[in-house]
Amino acid sequence: MMDKVMCLYGSVTGKAMSIAEQIVELGSTKGVEISLNCLGEVGKSWTLEQAKTIIIVSSTTGDGEQPENVIKFWRKLRPKSLSSDHLAHVRFALLGLGDTNYNQFCAGPKALLRRLEELGATSFHQVAWADDGTGLEEVVEPWIEGLWGALGTVMEKVEDAGNETKKVADDIKIENTVSDKMTAGDSLTASLSSLSLSPLTLPPCPKSYISISYSSSSPPTTTTSSLPLSPFPSSSGPPLSAKVLHCNLLTSKTAVKLYYEVMLECPSFEHQAGDTVSIICHNTEEEVKQLCSRLELANVWDKECSLAI
């Protein structure tokens, strides 16, 4: 009998839960039954004994901490008295959500991965870290796309092995790593099989969603870059002109992320604690020319254009 697949999520704002729900729905369209549970409901709606083939989608909160609805599950993994094969029966796929605007990027999911492997659990699909700072979909979509092939492979092996979990875990480790120590007796078929199981790491090219049309009329005789400009999306008003008084680097030049202290001189504007201030820098003429050349838009650079989604 085939093991039941479980999708477990740990969420702060609901994004991880939404992705987990999407995985369950996609599974149903592919004929794969997947149950949906919160990681924090361990011992209630699901148990570690039931968790044999699991998909985990979890995020990070605070300073690299586990979400509140993950803490109970995390505490079950923490005891040092647990043996190194405590979770040897578990095969998992892990998708972590984080934001590189914070120091401890994906620290919560990374801690889960480290502890799962310490307790003998085996990953059957490449672990991925999605960045909310650049767009979760850049990692989430290709990861989900590759999930089904990996899941199908591992479930076939479970069925063929008659639920001999230890043997399956060893097989997965071998087939998810392209070994450079192939023996003379290894067949070419086996080699190609191992290579085909290695998930691709490059995300697919996104579909075009913006169309641009250029006016055939002559460009305006005068142009201006002076303020005020139209408000930007999500802004409370038009941009304000400001002058940089000083800019000091707060971190070392070799730090993973650089932090600066910037003092601006600008007109007073209404604001309150918690507001976000965006800085729009002036583009030098050299940078503008480089951009024009890179985009190959020299023949339409001065023409008016219209954007449509």
C-alpha atoms as a PDB file:
ATOM      1  CA  MET A   1       0.000   0.000   0.000  1.00  0.00           C
ATOM      2  CA  MET A   2       1.317   3.432  -0.934  1.00  0.00           C
ATOM      3  CA  ASP A   3       2.171   5.807   1.909  1.00  0.00           C
ATOM      4  CA  LYS A   4      -0.014   8.850   2.346  1.00  0.00           C
ATOM      5  CA  VAL A   5       1.608  12.125   1.326  1.00  0.00           C
ATOM      6  CA  MET A   6       1.350  15.002   3.795  1.00  0.00           C
ATOM      7  CA  CYS A   7       1.849  18.714   3.160  1.00  0.00           C
ATOM      8  CA  LEU A   8       2.830  20.562   6.345  1.00  0.00           C
ATOM      9  CA  TYR A   9       3.072  24.329   6.635  1.00  0.00           C
ATOM     10  CA  GLY A  10       4.362  26.904   9.098  1.00  0.00           C
ATOM     11  CA  SER A  11       3.067  30.373   8.349  1.00  0.00           C
ATOM     12  CA  VAL A  12       3.155  33.886   9.792  1.00  0.00           C
ATOM     13  CA  THR A  13       1.277  36.017   7.266  1.00  0.00           C
ATOM     14  CA  GLY A  14      -0.482  33.166   5.462  1.00  0.00           C
ATOM     15  CA  LYS A  15       1.813  32.949   2.419  1.00  0.00           C
ATOM     16  CA  ALA A  16       3.255  29.546   3.356  1.00  0.00           C
ATOM     17  CA  MET A  17      -0.232  28.209   4.046  1.00  0.00           C
ATOM     18  CA  SER A  18      -1.458  29.533   0.691  1.00  0.00           C
ATOM     19  CA  ILE A  19       1.412  27.818  -1.143  1.00  0.00           C
ATOM     20  CA  ALA A  20       0.733  24.583   0.744  1.00  0.00           C
ATOM     21  CA  GLU A  21      -2.947  24.757  -0.243  1.00  0.00           C
ATOM     22  CA  GLN A  22      -1.885  25.297  -3.846  1.00  0.00           C
ATOM     23  CA  ILE A  23       0.298  22.170  -3.719  1.00  0.00           C
ATOM     24  CA  VAL A  24      -2.590  20.100  -2.352  1.00  0.00           C
ATOM     25  CA  GLU A  25      -4.952  21.381  -5.063  1.00  0.00           C
ATOM     26  CA  LEU A  26      -2.420  20.725  -7.830  1.00  0.00           C
ATOM     27  CA  GLY A  27      -1.862  17.258  -6.418  1.00  0.00           C
ATOM     28  CA  SER A  28      -5.556  16.434  -6.701  1.00  0.00           C
ATOM     29  CA  THR A  29      -5.537  17.399 -10.398  1.00  0.00           C
ATOM     30  CA  LYS A  30      -2.601  15.017 -10.912  1.00  0.00           C
ATOM     31  CA  GLY A  31      -4.249  12.160  -9.036  1.00  0.00           C
ATOM     32  CA  VAL A  32      -1.994  12.530  -5.992  1.00  0.00           C
ATOM     33  CA  GLU A  33      -3.834  12.596  -2.666  1.00  0.00           C
ATOM     34  CA  ILE A  34      -2.119  14.981  -0.267  1.00  0.00           C
ATOM     35  CA  SER A  35      -3.384  15.856   3.198  1.00  0.00           C
ATOM     36  CA  LEU A  36      -2.894  19.412   4.494  1.00  0.00           C
ATOM     37  CA  ASN A  37      -1.820  20.059   8.087  1.00  0.00           C
ATOM     38  CA  CYS A  38      -0.139  22.753  10.141  1.00  0.00           C
ATOM     39  CA  LEU A  39       3.261  21.818  11.584  1.00  0.00           C
ATOM     40  CA  GLY A  40       2.089  22.995  14.996  1.00  0.00           C
ATOM     41  CA  GLU A  41      -0.780  20.487  14.975  1.00  0.00           C
ATOM     42  CA  VAL A  42       1.638  17.605  15.449  1.00  0.00           C
ATOM     43  CA  GLY A  43       0.126  15.183  17.944  1.00  0.00           C
ATOM     44  CA  LYS A  44      -3.384  16.353  17.073  1.00  0.00           C
ATOM     45  CA  SER A  45      -4.251  16.174  13.368  1.00  0.00           C
ATOM     46  CA  TRP A  46      -1.077  14.243  12.487  1.00  0.00           C
ATOM     47  CA  THR A  47       1.836  12.438  14.165  1.00  0.00           C
ATOM     48  CA  LEU A  48       5.524  11.925  13.442  1.00  0.00           C
ATOM     49  CA  GLU A  49       4.835   8.195  13.109  1.00  0.00           C
ATOM     50  CA  GLN A  50       2.450   8.941  10.226  1.00  0.00           C
ATOM     51  CA  ALA A  51       4.898  11.311   8.562  1.00  0.00           C
ATOM     52  CA  LYS A  52       6.668   9.170   5.983  1.00  0.00           C
ATOM     53  CA  THR A  53       6.466  11.223   2.792  1.00  0.00           C
ATOM     54  CA  ILE A  54       6.036  14.899   3.615  1.00  0.00           C
ATOM     55  CA  ILE A  55       6.204  18.258   1.878  1.00  0.00           C
ATOM     56  CA  ILE A  56       7.105  21.162   4.174  1.00  0.00           C
ATOM     57  CA  VAL A  57       6.474  24.837   3.386  1.00  0.00           C
ATOM     58  CA  SER A  58       7.622  27.070   6.220  1.00  0.00           C
ATOM     59  CA  SER A  59       8.663  30.670   6.815  1.00  0.00           C
ATOM     60  CA  THR A  60      10.656  32.745   9.306  1.00  0.00           C
ATOM     61  CA  THR A  61       9.609  35.383  11.807  1.00  0.00           C
ATOM     62  CA  GLY A  62      11.374  37.892  14.043  1.00  0.00           C
ATOM     63  CA  ASP A  63      15.148  37.550  14.109  1.00  0.00           C
ATOM     64  CA  GLY A  64      15.329  34.188  12.333  1.00  0.00           C
ATOM     65  CA  GLU A  65      12.824  32.473  14.629  1.00  0.00           C
ATOM     66  CA  GLN A  66      10.300  29.751  13.924  1.00  0.00           C
ATOM     67  CA  PRO A  67       6.709  30.887  13.300  1.00  0.00           C
ATOM     68  CA  GLU A  68       4.426  30.458  16.281  1.00  0.00           C
ATOM     69  CA  ASN A  69       2.564  27.590  14.618  1.00  0.00           C
ATOM     70  CA  VAL A  70       5.853  25.699  14.106  1.00  0.00           C
ATOM     71  CA  ILE A  71       7.197  25.914  17.668  1.00  0.00           C
ATOM     72  CA  LYS A  72       5.459  22.745  18.916  1.00  0.00           C
ATOM     73  CA  PHE A  73       6.886  20.709  16.033  1.00  0.00           C
ATOM     74  CA  TRP A  74      10.312  22.290  16.513  1.00  0.00           C
ATOM     75  CA  ARG A  75      10.318  21.363  20.201  1.00  0.00           C
ATOM     76  CA  LYS A  76       9.657  17.728  19.303  1.00  0.00           C
ATOM     77  CA  LEU A  77      12.828  17.740  17.207  1.00  0.00           C
ATOM     78  CA  ARG A  78      15.044  19.576  19.681  1.00  0.00           C
ATOM     79  CA  PRO A  79      15.829  16.962  22.391  1.00  0.00           C
ATOM     80  CA  LYS A  80      19.459  15.849  22.147  1.00  0.00           C
ATOM     81  CA  SER A  81      18.437  12.422  23.400  1.00  0.00           C
ATOM     82  CA  LEU A  82      16.849  11.605  20.024  1.00  0.00           C
ATOM     83  CA  SER A  83      18.848   9.069  18.019  1.00  0.00           C
ATOM     84  CA  SER A  84      20.376   9.780  14.633  1.00  0.00           C
ATOM     85  CA  ASP A  85      17.844   7.440  13.005  1.00  0.00           C
ATOM     86  CA  HIS A  86      14.805   8.794  14.838  1.00  0.00           C
ATOM     87  CA  LEU A  87      13.312  10.063  11.555  1.00  0.00           C
ATOM     88  CA  ALA A  88      14.933   7.548   9.206  1.00  0.00           C
ATOM     89  CA  HIS A  89      11.455   6.618   7.978  1.00  0.00           C
ATOM     90  CA  VAL A  90      10.792  10.181   6.758  1.00  0.00           C
ATOM     91  CA  ARG A  91      11.278  11.386   3.184  1.00  0.00           C
ATOM     92  CA  PHE A  92      10.732  15.120   2.814  1.00  0.00           C
ATOM     93  CA  ALA A  93      10.743  18.070   0.429  1.00  0.00           C
ATOM     94  CA  LEU A  94      11.338  21.489   1.989  1.00  0.00           C
ATOM     95  CA  LEU A  95      10.487  24.942   0.675  1.00  0.00           C
ATOM     96  CA  GLY A  96      11.571  27.818   2.927  1.00  0.00           C
ATOM     97  CA  LEU A  97      10.222  31.368   2.733  1.00  0.00           C
ATOM     98  CA  GLY A  98      12.219  34.388   3.852  1.00  0.00           C
ATOM     99  CA  ASP A  99      13.231  37.935   3.005  1.00  0.00           C
ATOM    100  CA  THR A 100      16.792  39.040   2.268  1.00  0.00           C
ATOM    101  CA  ASN A 101      15.944  42.484   3.629  1.00  0.00           C
ATOM    102  CA  TYR A 102      16.459  40.861   7.033  1.00  0.00           C
ATOM    103  CA  ASN A 103      19.734  39.451   8.371  1.00  0.00           C
ATOM    104  CA  GLN A 104      18.543  35.937   9.238  1.00  0.00           C
ATOM    105  CA  PHE A 105      17.285  34.917   5.786  1.00  0.00           C
ATOM    106  CA  CYS A 106      15.240  31.691   5.983  1.00  0.00           C
ATOM    107  CA  ALA A 107      16.857  30.881   9.343  1.00  0.00           C
ATOM    108  CA  GLY A 108      13.749  29.048  10.580  1.00  0.00           C
ATOM    109  CA  PRO A 109      13.436  26.617   7.638  1.00  0.00           C
ATOM    110  CA  LYS A 110      17.219  26.160   7.510  1.00  0.00           C
ATOM    111  CA  ALA A 111      17.183  25.089  11.171  1.00  0.00           C
ATOM    112  CA  LEU A 112      14.406  22.600  10.357  1.00  0.00           C
ATOM    113  CA  LEU A 113      16.455  21.178   7.480  1.00  0.00           C
ATOM    114  CA  ARG A 114      19.551  20.789   9.629  1.00  0.00           C
ATOM    115  CA  ARG A 115      17.655  19.002  12.408  1.00  0.00           C
ATOM    116  CA  LEU A 116      15.676  16.748  10.056  1.00  0.00           C
ATOM    117  CA  GLU A 117      18.915  15.536   8.471  1.00  0.00           C
ATOM    118  CA  GLU A 118      20.552  15.071  11.888  1.00  0.00           C
ATOM    119  CA  LEU A 119      17.671  12.766  12.836  1.00  0.00           C
ATOM    120  CA  GLY A 120      18.034  10.643   9.683  1.00  0.00           C
ATOM    121  CA  ALA A 121      15.289  12.092   7.455  1.00  0.00           C
ATOM    122  CA  THR A 122      16.047  12.103   3.726  1.00  0.00           C
ATOM    123  CA  SER A 123      15.268  14.818   1.202  1.00  0.00           C
ATOM    124  CA  PHE A 124      13.704  13.578  -2.050  1.00  0.00           C
ATOM    125  CA  HIS A 125      13.507  16.979  -3.769  1.00  0.00           C
ATOM    126  CA  GLN A 126      15.994  19.815  -3.886  1.00  0.00           C
ATOM    127  CA  VAL A 127      15.582  22.223  -0.961  1.00  0.00           C
ATOM    128  CA  ALA A 128      14.743  25.785  -2.029  1.00  0.00           C
ATOM    129  CA  TRP A 129      14.745  29.186  -0.327  1.00  0.00           C
ATOM    130  CA  ALA A 130      12.229  31.706  -1.692  1.00  0.00           C
ATOM    131  CA  ASP A 131      12.953  35.401  -1.203  1.00  0.00           C
ATOM    132  CA  ASP A 132      10.018  37.729  -0.587  1.00  0.00           C
ATOM    133  CA  GLY A 133      12.392  40.627  -1.192  1.00  0.00           C
ATOM    134  CA  THR A 134      12.773  39.787  -4.880  1.00  0.00           C
ATOM    135  CA  GLY A 135       9.579  37.830  -5.458  1.00  0.00           C
ATOM    136  CA  LEU A 136       8.641  34.449  -3.994  1.00  0.00           C
ATOM    137  CA  GLU A 137       7.355  33.185  -7.336  1.00  0.00           C
ATOM    138  CA  GLU A 138      10.857  33.149  -8.849  1.00  0.00           C
ATOM    139  CA  VAL A 139      11.706  30.147  -6.661  1.00  0.00           C
ATOM    140  CA  VAL A 140       8.290  28.788  -5.669  1.00  0.00           C
ATOM    141  CA  GLU A 141       6.935  28.127  -9.162  1.00  0.00           C
ATOM    142  CA  PRO A 142       9.887  26.111 -10.552  1.00  0.00           C
ATOM    143  CA  TRP A 143      10.208  24.269  -7.234  1.00  0.00           C
ATOM    144  CA  ILE A 144       6.561  23.144  -7.354  1.00  0.00           C
ATOM    145  CA  GLU A 145       6.935  22.248 -11.026  1.00  0.00           C
ATOM    146  CA  GLY A 146       9.837  19.927 -10.233  1.00  0.00           C
ATOM    147  CA  LEU A 147       8.127  18.498  -7.157  1.00  0.00           C
ATOM    148  CA  TRP A 148       5.797  16.157  -9.021  1.00  0.00           C
ATOM    149  CA  GLY A 149       8.489  14.216 -10.832  1.00  0.00           C
ATOM    150  CA  ALA A 150      10.495  13.787  -7.628  1.00  0.00           C
ATOM    151  CA  LEU A 151       7.381  12.799  -5.684  1.00  0.00           C
ATOM    152  CA  GLY A 152       6.335  10.274  -8.338  1.00  0.00           C
ATOM    153  CA  THR A 153       9.791   8.708  -8.297  1.00  0.00           C
ATOM    154  CA  VAL A 154       9.944   8.336  -4.534  1.00  0.00           C
ATOM    155  CA  MET A 155       6.414   6.907  -4.303  1.00  0.00           C
ATOM    156  CA  GLU A 156       7.188   4.319  -6.971  1.00  0.00           C
ATOM    157  CA  LYS A 157      10.231   3.233  -5.011  1.00  0.00           C
ATOM    158  CA  VAL A 158       8.247   2.975  -1.794  1.00  0.00           C
ATOM    159  CA  GLU A 159       5.723   0.728  -3.488  1.00  0.00           C
ATOM    160  CA  ASP A 160       8.360  -1.419  -5.218  1.00  0.00           C
ATOM    161  CA  ALA A 161      10.349  -1.847  -2.032  1.00  0.00           C
ATOM    162  CA  GLY A 162       7.360  -3.076  -0.064  1.00  0.00           C
ATOM    163  CA  ASN A 163       7.663  -0.213   2.430  1.00  0.00           C
ATOM    164  CA  GLU A 164      11.262  -1.081   3.317  1.00  0.00           C
ATOM    165  CA  THR A 165      11.902   2.518   4.311  1.00  0.00           C
ATOM    166  CA  LYS A 166      15.586   2.240   5.080  1.00  0.00           C
ATOM    167  CA  LYS A 167      16.386   0.849   1.663  1.00  0.00           C
ATOM    168  CA  VAL A 168      14.326   3.539  -0.017  1.00  0.00           C
ATOM    169  CA  ALA A 169      16.169   6.283   1.882  1.00  0.00           C
ATOM    170  CA  ASP A 170      19.508   4.890   0.716  1.00  0.00           C
ATOM    171  CA  ASP A 171      18.270   4.688  -2.890  1.00  0.00           C
ATOM    172  CA  ILE A 172      17.128   8.309  -2.828  1.00  0.00           C
ATOM    173  CA  LYS A 173      20.494   9.506  -1.509  1.00  0.00           C
ATOM    174  CA  ILE A 174      22.260   7.698  -4.324  1.00  0.00           C
ATOM    175  CA  GLU A 175      19.937   8.835  -7.113  1.00  0.00           C
ATOM    176  CA  ASN A 176      19.821  12.468  -6.020  1.00  0.00           C
ATOM    177  CA  THR A 177      23.634  12.715  -6.228  1.00  0.00           C
ATOM    178  CA  VAL A 178      25.555  12.288  -9.459  1.00  0.00           C
ATOM    179  CA  SER A 179      28.425  10.183  -8.168  1.00  0.00           C
ATOM    180  CA  ASP A 180      31.916  10.646  -9.537  1.00  0.00           C
ATOM    181  CA  LYS A 181      32.886   7.193  -8.342  1.00  0.00           C
ATOM    182  CA  MET A 182      31.110   5.052 -10.935  1.00  0.00           C
ATOM    183  CA  THR A 183      32.481   1.515 -10.977  1.00  0.00           C
ATOM    184  CA  ALA A 184      33.321  -0.399 -14.147  1.00  0.00           C
ATOM    185  CA  GLY A 185      30.243  -2.595 -13.737  1.00  0.00           C
ATOM    186  CA  ASP A 186      27.769   0.314 -13.663  1.00  0.00           C
ATOM    187  CA  SER A 187      25.605   0.420 -16.738  1.00  0.00           C
ATOM    188  CA  LEU A 188      25.033   3.483 -18.876  1.00  0.00           C
ATOM    189  CA  THR A 189      21.317   3.141 -18.195  1.00  0.00           C
ATOM    190  CA  ALA A 190      21.861   3.471 -14.460  1.00  0.00           C
ATOM    191  CA  SER A 191      24.023   6.541 -14.989  1.00  0.00           C
ATOM    192  CA  LEU A 192      21.428   8.262 -17.151  1.00  0.00           C
ATOM    193  CA  SER A 193      18.713   7.388 -14.628  1.00  0.00           C
ATOM    194  CA  SER A 194      20.637   9.117 -11.852  1.00  0.00           C
ATOM    195  CA  LEU A 195      21.186  12.194 -13.992  1.00  0.00           C
ATOM    196  CA  SER A 196      17.512  12.400 -14.924  1.00  0.00           C
ATOM    197  CA  LEU A 197      16.508  12.511 -11.266  1.00  0.00           C
ATOM    198  CA  SER A 198      18.635  15.591 -10.553  1.00  0.00           C
ATOM    199  CA  PRO A 199      16.209  18.553 -10.415  1.00  0.00           C
ATOM    200  CA  LEU A 200      16.931  21.579 -12.533  1.00  0.00           C
ATOM    201  CA  THR A 201      17.934  24.670 -10.605  1.00  0.00           C
ATOM    202  CA  LEU A 202      17.273  27.291 -13.285  1.00  0.00           C
ATOM    203  CA  PRO A 203      13.774  28.820 -13.082  1.00  0.00           C
ATOM    204  CA  PRO A 204      11.753  28.951 -16.307  1.00  0.00           C
ATOM    205  CA  CYS A 205      11.672  32.190 -18.242  1.00  0.00           C
ATOM    206  CA  PRO A 206       8.607  34.146 -17.049  1.00  0.00           C
ATOM    207  CA  LYS A 207       5.844  34.818 -19.551  1.00  0.00           C
ATOM    208  CA  SER A 208       5.606  38.333 -20.949  1.00  0.00           C
ATOM    209  CA  TYR A 209       2.858  40.322 -19.260  1.00  0.00           C
ATOM    210  CA  ILE A 210       3.624  43.926 -20.321  1.00  0.00           C
ATOM    211  CA  SER A 211       3.308  45.244 -23.877  1.00  0.00           C
ATOM    212  CA  ILE A 212       4.922  48.496 -25.013  1.00  0.00           C
ATOM    213  CA  SER A 213       3.884  50.577 -28.022  1.00  0.00           C
ATOM    214  CA  TYR A 214       5.781  53.629 -29.251  1.00  0.00           C
ATOM    215  CA  SER A 215       4.311  56.761 -30.763  1.00  0.00           C
ATOM    216  CA  SER A 216       5.266  57.548 -34.363  1.00  0.00           C
ATOM    217  CA  SER A 217       4.958  61.286 -33.765  1.00  0.00           C
ATOM    218  CA  SER A 218       7.956  63.515 -33.258  1.00  0.00           C
ATOM    219  CA  PRO A 219       9.344  63.762 -29.722  1.00  0.00           C
ATOM    220  CA  PRO A 220       8.439  66.853 -27.691  1.00  0.00           C
ATOM    221  CA  THR A 221      10.714  69.803 -28.234  1.00  0.00           C
ATOM    222  CA  THR A 222      11.350  70.269 -24.511  1.00  0.00           C
ATOM    223  CA  THR A 223      11.651  67.772 -21.702  1.00  0.00           C
ATOM    224  CA  THR A 224      11.831  68.283 -18.000  1.00  0.00           C
ATOM    225  CA  SER A 225      12.796  66.138 -15.045  1.00  0.00           C
ATOM    226  CA  SER A 226      11.752  68.656 -12.436  1.00  0.00           C
ATOM    227  CA  LEU A 227       9.366  67.753  -9.666  1.00  0.00           C
ATOM    228  CA  PRO A 228       6.521  67.368  -8.874  1.00  0.00           C
ATOM    229  CA  LEU A 229       5.908  64.002 -10.502  1.00  0.00           C
ATOM    230  CA  SER A 230       2.887  61.750 -10.334  1.00  0.00           C
ATOM    231  CA  PRO A 231       2.634  59.631  -7.161  1.00  0.00           C
ATOM    232  CA  PHE A 232       4.167  56.186  -7.408  1.00  0.00           C
ATOM    233  CA  PRO A 233       2.128  53.045  -6.607  1.00  0.00           C
ATOM    234  CA  SER A 234       1.381  52.734  -2.880  1.00  0.00           C
ATOM    235  CA  SER A 235       2.826  56.197  -2.169  1.00  0.00           C
ATOM    236  CA  SER A 236       0.891  58.768  -0.161  1.00  0.00           C
ATOM    237  CA  GLY A 237       1.894  61.675  -2.405  1.00  0.00           C
ATOM    238  CA  PRO A 238       4.231  62.923  -5.132  1.00  0.00           C
ATOM    239  CA  PRO A 239       8.041  62.577  -4.747  1.00  0.00           C
ATOM    240  CA  LEU A 240       9.950  65.271  -2.862  1.00  0.00           C
ATOM    241  CA  SER A 241      13.321  66.636  -3.862  1.00  0.00           C
ATOM    242  CA  ALA A 242      16.050  66.015  -1.261  1.00  0.00           C
ATOM    243  CA  LYS A 243      19.787  66.486  -0.838  1.00  0.00           C
ATOM    244  CA  VAL A 244      22.144  63.896   0.674  1.00  0.00           C
ATOM    245  CA  LEU A 245      24.106  65.514   3.493  1.00  0.00           C
ATOM    246  CA  HIS A 246      26.170  62.467   4.420  1.00  0.00           C
ATOM    247  CA  CYS A 247      26.217  58.692   3.903  1.00  0.00           C
ATOM    248  CA  ASN A 248      28.143  56.470   6.327  1.00  0.00           C
ATOM    249  CA  LEU A 249      28.750  52.735   5.967  1.00  0.00           C
ATOM    250  CA  LEU A 250      27.743  51.018   9.214  1.00  0.00           C
ATOM    251  CA  THR A 251      28.968  47.514   8.377  1.00  0.00           C
ATOM    252  CA  SER A 252      32.295  46.221   7.137  1.00  0.00           C
ATOM    253  CA  LYS A 253      32.867  46.247   3.385  1.00  0.00           C
ATOM    254  CA  THR A 254      33.030  42.444   3.400  1.00  0.00           C
ATOM    255  CA  ALA A 255      29.677  41.987   5.176  1.00  0.00           C
ATOM    256  CA  VAL A 256      27.047  39.840   3.448  1.00  0.00           C
ATOM    257  CA  LYS A 257      24.668  42.807   3.485  1.00  0.00           C
ATOM    258  CA  LEU A 258      25.784  46.430   3.634  1.00  0.00           C
ATOM    259  CA  TYR A 259      23.987  48.953   5.849  1.00  0.00           C
ATOM    260  CA  TYR A 260      24.323  52.711   5.551  1.00  0.00           C
ATOM    261  CA  GLU A 261      23.316  55.674   7.664  1.00  0.00           C
ATOM    262  CA  VAL A 262      22.032  58.392   5.334  1.00  0.00           C
ATOM    263  CA  MET A 263      21.095  61.939   6.333  1.00  0.00           C
ATOM    264  CA  LEU A 264      18.835  63.821   3.933  1.00  0.00           C
ATOM    265  CA  GLU A 265      17.857  67.454   3.720  1.00  0.00           C
ATOM    266  CA  CYS A 266      14.345  67.761   2.353  1.00  0.00           C
ATOM    267  CA  PRO A 267      11.086  69.676   2.884  1.00  0.00           C
ATOM    268  CA  SER A 268       9.068  68.566   5.871  1.00  0.00           C
ATOM    269  CA  PHE A 269       6.372  65.994   5.149  1.00  0.00           C
ATOM    270  CA  GLU A 270       3.777  64.284   7.275  1.00  0.00           C
ATOM    271  CA  HIS A 271       4.848  60.877   8.524  1.00  0.00           C
ATOM    272  CA  GLN A 272       4.550  58.615  11.542  1.00  0.00           C
ATOM    273  CA  ALA A 273       6.327  55.673  13.121  1.00  0.00           C
ATOM    274  CA  GLY A 274       6.226  52.602  10.907  1.00  0.00           C
ATOM    275  CA  ASP A 275       6.069  54.482   7.585  1.00  0.00           C
ATOM    276  CA  THR A 276       8.355  53.329   4.783  1.00  0.00           C
ATOM    277  CA  VAL A 277      10.428  55.899   2.895  1.00  0.00           C
ATOM    278  CA  SER A 278      11.673  55.069  -0.601  1.00  0.00           C
ATOM    279  CA  ILE A 279      14.687  56.790  -2.143  1.00  0.00           C
ATOM    280  CA  ILE A 280      14.726  57.456  -5.893  1.00  0.00           C
ATOM    281  CA  CYS A 281      18.240  58.344  -7.033  1.00  0.00           C
ATOM    282  CA  HIS A 282      19.151  60.576  -9.950  1.00  0.00           C
ATOM    283  CA  ASN A 283      20.444  58.686 -12.994  1.00  0.00           C
ATOM    284  CA  THR A 284      23.657  60.027 -14.497  1.00  0.00           C
ATOM    285  CA  GLU A 285      23.827  60.623 -18.240  1.00  0.00           C
ATOM    286  CA  GLU A 286      26.379  57.809 -18.586  1.00  0.00           C
ATOM    287  CA  GLU A 287      24.104  55.305 -16.826  1.00  0.00           C
ATOM    288  CA  VAL A 288      21.158  56.327 -19.025  1.00  0.00           C
ATOM    289  CA  LYS A 289      23.227  55.765 -22.183  1.00  0.00           C
ATOM    290  CA  GLN A 290      24.357  52.354 -20.919  1.00  0.00           C
ATOM    291  CA  LEU A 291      20.748  51.368 -20.232  1.00  0.00           C
ATOM    292  CA  CYS A 292      19.669  52.548 -23.672  1.00  0.00           C
ATOM    293  CA  SER A 293      22.427  50.502 -25.306  1.00  0.00           C
ATOM    294  CA  ARG A 294      21.715  47.416 -23.195  1.00  0.00           C
ATOM    295  CA  LEU A 295      18.006  47.496 -24.072  1.00  0.00           C
ATOM    296  CA  GLU A 296      18.754  48.253 -27.754  1.00  0.00           C
ATOM    297  CA  LEU A 297      16.262  51.120 -27.749  1.00  0.00           C
ATOM    298  CA  ALA A 298      18.347  53.894 -29.325  1.00  0.00           C
ATOM    299  CA  ASN A 299      15.909  54.339 -32.242  1.00  0.00           C
ATOM    300  CA  VAL A 300      12.889  54.858 -29.945  1.00  0.00           C
ATOM    301  CA  TRP A 301      14.590  56.287 -26.858  1.00  0.00           C
ATOM    302  CA  ASP A 302      13.050  59.783 -27.257  1.00  0.00           C
ATOM    303  CA  LYS A 303       9.597  58.624 -28.398  1.00  0.00           C
ATOM    304  CA  GLU A 304       6.514  58.564 -26.214  1.00  0.00           C
ATOM    305  CA  CYS A 305       5.334  55.098 -25.258  1.00  0.00           C
ATOM    306  CA  SER A 306       2.292  53.381 -23.787  1.00  0.00           C
ATOM    307  CA  LEU A 307       2.329  50.407 -21.435  1.00  0.00           C
ATOM    308  CA  ALA A 308      -0.389  47.776 -21.190  1.00  0.00           C
ATOM    309  CA  ILE A 309      -0.698  44.714 -18.979  1.00  0.00           C
END
